[in-house]
Protein backbone atom coordinates (compact mmCIF):
# COMPACT_ATOMS: atom_id res chain seq x y z
CA MET A 1 -30.84 92.51 117.67
CA ILE A 2 -27.96 94.79 118.76
CA LEU A 3 -27.42 98.52 118.87
CA GLU A 4 -25.41 99.00 115.67
CA HIS A 5 -24.34 102.66 115.72
CA ILE A 6 -25.22 106.19 116.79
CA GLY A 7 -25.48 108.91 114.13
CA VAL A 8 -24.53 112.54 114.72
CA THR A 9 -24.99 115.33 112.16
CA ALA A 10 -22.15 117.86 112.09
CA ASN A 11 -21.68 121.36 110.67
CA ASP A 12 -18.13 120.43 109.62
CA LEU A 13 -17.52 116.73 109.04
CA GLU A 14 -13.71 117.05 109.06
CA GLU A 15 -13.72 119.02 112.33
CA SER A 16 -15.93 116.40 113.97
CA ILE A 17 -13.71 113.58 112.73
CA ARG A 18 -10.67 115.35 114.26
CA PHE A 19 -12.56 115.88 117.53
CA TYR A 20 -13.82 112.31 118.03
CA THR A 21 -10.58 110.67 116.87
CA GLY A 22 -8.42 113.05 118.90
CA VAL A 23 -10.45 113.08 122.12
CA PHE A 24 -11.86 109.58 122.40
CA GLY A 25 -9.48 107.56 120.24
CA PHE A 26 -11.99 106.61 117.53
CA SER A 27 -10.51 105.50 114.19
CA VAL A 28 -12.04 106.09 110.77
CA LEU A 29 -13.61 102.90 109.41
CA ARG A 30 -14.82 104.47 106.16
CA LYS A 31 -15.49 107.95 104.83
CA THR A 32 -17.40 109.56 101.98
CA THR A 33 -17.95 113.24 101.20
CA ARG A 34 -21.22 113.08 103.19
CA ASN A 35 -20.45 110.83 106.15
CA ALA A 36 -17.87 108.87 108.06
CA TYR A 37 -18.10 105.78 110.22
CA LEU A 38 -15.77 105.83 113.20
CA TYR A 39 -15.04 102.89 115.45
CA LEU A 40 -13.70 102.34 118.94
CA ASP A 41 -13.26 98.63 119.60
CA ASP A 42 -16.61 97.38 118.25
CA GLN A 43 -18.56 100.59 118.94
CA LEU A 44 -19.64 102.58 115.85
CA LEU A 45 -20.34 106.30 115.52
CA GLU A 46 -21.60 107.72 112.23
CA LEU A 47 -20.81 111.39 111.58
CA MET A 48 -22.87 113.03 108.83
CA GLN A 49 -22.21 116.34 107.08
CA SER A 50 -25.17 118.69 107.50
CA SER A 51 -26.65 119.90 104.21
CA ALA A 52 -27.72 123.10 106.01
CA PRO A 53 -25.17 124.00 108.71
CA THR A 54 -26.75 125.80 111.63
CA GLU A 55 -25.67 127.95 114.54
CA VAL A 56 -24.57 125.89 117.53
CA ASN A 57 -26.94 126.33 120.48
CA THR A 58 -25.01 124.99 123.45
CA PRO A 59 -26.26 125.44 127.01
CA GLN A 60 -23.86 127.84 128.75
CA THR A 61 -24.58 126.87 132.36
CA PRO A 62 -25.22 123.74 134.42
CA GLU A 63 -28.83 124.92 134.77
CA GLY A 64 -29.16 125.25 130.98
CA TRP A 65 -27.76 121.76 130.53
CA ASP A 66 -30.13 120.39 133.18
CA GLU A 67 -33.11 122.01 131.43
CA ARG A 68 -32.08 120.59 128.04
CA MET A 69 -31.37 117.17 129.50
CA TRP A 70 -34.67 116.65 131.32
CA SER A 71 -37.12 118.59 129.14
CA SER A 72 -36.17 117.27 125.70
CA VAL A 73 -37.50 114.10 124.15
CA GLY A 74 -35.13 111.95 122.14
CA LEU A 75 -31.39 111.44 122.18
CA VAL A 76 -29.97 114.06 124.56
CA HIS A 77 -26.36 112.98 125.13
CA ILE A 78 -23.64 110.44 124.44
CA GLY A 79 -21.84 109.00 127.47
CA PHE A 80 -18.17 108.04 127.53
CA ARG A 81 -16.42 106.27 130.39
CA VAL A 82 -12.98 107.68 131.17
CA ASP A 83 -10.30 106.43 133.55
CA ASP A 84 -8.88 109.88 134.36
CA MET A 85 -11.39 112.77 134.38
CA GLU A 86 -8.79 115.56 134.53
CA GLU A 87 -6.77 114.14 131.63
CA ALA A 88 -9.94 113.75 129.54
CA ILE A 89 -11.02 117.34 130.29
CA LEU A 90 -7.67 118.75 129.14
CA LYS A 91 -7.81 116.73 125.91
CA ILE A 92 -11.41 117.71 125.15
CA GLU A 93 -10.84 121.43 125.74
CA LYS A 94 -7.65 121.34 123.63
CA LEU A 95 -9.63 119.92 120.69
CA GLY A 96 -12.55 122.36 120.85
CA GLY A 97 -14.96 120.82 123.36
CA GLN A 98 -16.73 123.15 125.79
CA LEU A 99 -17.11 122.26 129.47
CA ILE A 100 -20.71 122.79 130.57
CA VAL A 101 -20.82 121.06 133.95
CA PRO A 102 -17.54 120.64 135.85
CA PRO A 103 -16.84 117.25 137.44
CA TYR A 104 -19.05 116.39 140.39
CA GLU A 105 -19.80 113.33 142.50
CA PHE A 106 -23.13 111.71 141.64
CA GLU A 107 -24.61 109.31 144.18
CA PRO A 108 -27.34 107.33 142.43
CA LYS A 109 -30.48 106.25 144.26
CA ILE A 110 -30.66 102.83 142.63
CA GLU A 111 -33.90 100.88 142.94
CA TYR A 112 -32.89 97.76 141.00
CA VAL A 113 -29.64 96.21 139.78
CA ALA A 114 -29.47 93.35 137.29
CA GLU A 115 -26.82 90.69 137.65
CA SER A 116 -23.82 91.97 135.68
CA THR A 117 -22.03 89.68 133.28
CA THR A 118 -19.28 92.01 132.04
CA ASP A 119 -17.03 94.69 133.50
CA LYS A 120 -18.83 97.36 131.46
CA LEU A 121 -22.23 96.35 132.85
CA ARG A 122 -20.88 95.98 136.39
CA ARG A 123 -19.45 99.51 136.33
CA ALA A 124 -22.66 100.95 134.84
CA SER A 125 -24.98 99.13 137.24
CA GLN A 126 -23.67 100.72 140.44
CA PRO A 127 -20.58 102.49 141.79
CA VAL A 128 -17.73 100.09 142.53
CA GLY A 129 -15.63 100.68 145.64
CA LYS A 130 -17.34 103.97 146.49
CA ALA A 131 -20.82 105.47 146.76
CA TYR A 132 -20.62 107.73 143.70
CA TRP A 133 -19.52 108.20 140.11
CA ARG A 134 -17.71 111.32 138.91
CA ILE A 135 -19.53 113.00 136.03
CA ALA A 136 -18.83 116.03 133.81
CA MET A 137 -20.74 117.37 130.81
CA PHE A 138 -19.24 118.80 127.61
CA ALA A 139 -20.44 119.93 124.23
CA ASP A 140 -18.67 118.87 121.06
CA PRO A 141 -17.97 121.52 118.37
CA ASP A 142 -21.62 121.24 117.20
CA GLY A 143 -23.21 121.41 120.66
CA VAL A 144 -23.83 117.66 120.99
CA ILE A 145 -23.84 116.92 124.72
CA LEU A 146 -21.14 114.50 125.85
CA GLU A 147 -21.22 112.99 129.31
CA LEU A 148 -17.94 111.87 130.84
CA LEU A 149 -18.21 109.20 133.51
CA GLU A 150 -15.34 108.18 135.73
CA ARG A 151 -16.57 104.79 136.93
């Protein structure tokens, strides 16, 4: 069994397609009037047009983000690794993303690390070459929380 895709409901399907293709480099795999499958390498993201668009309720402060992150049950964010945090921030803001938590250094208190077999797993298991990861939090145009990780 593998994780096949993540689905995100959007107020405006076309706006979300522009955002995810423009910011993260996704390409459109297929599209209907109700949904679109985007891909980045072999990662899939399904965007679905909401049948009842709603007001976006995005946390406006780091404290609001922290409350939403740790007090909600279910999917609370989507994480993206970036090579250059500042470049990614400029691109996201240009395409309608909202910075919630500016970049900061996060030093994890790791209790266990599995043996890593790929570069992706190695970078996610523990900081490489330093004691921290740089992290920033954004909201997409519909308030979906996006975590940027410079690992």
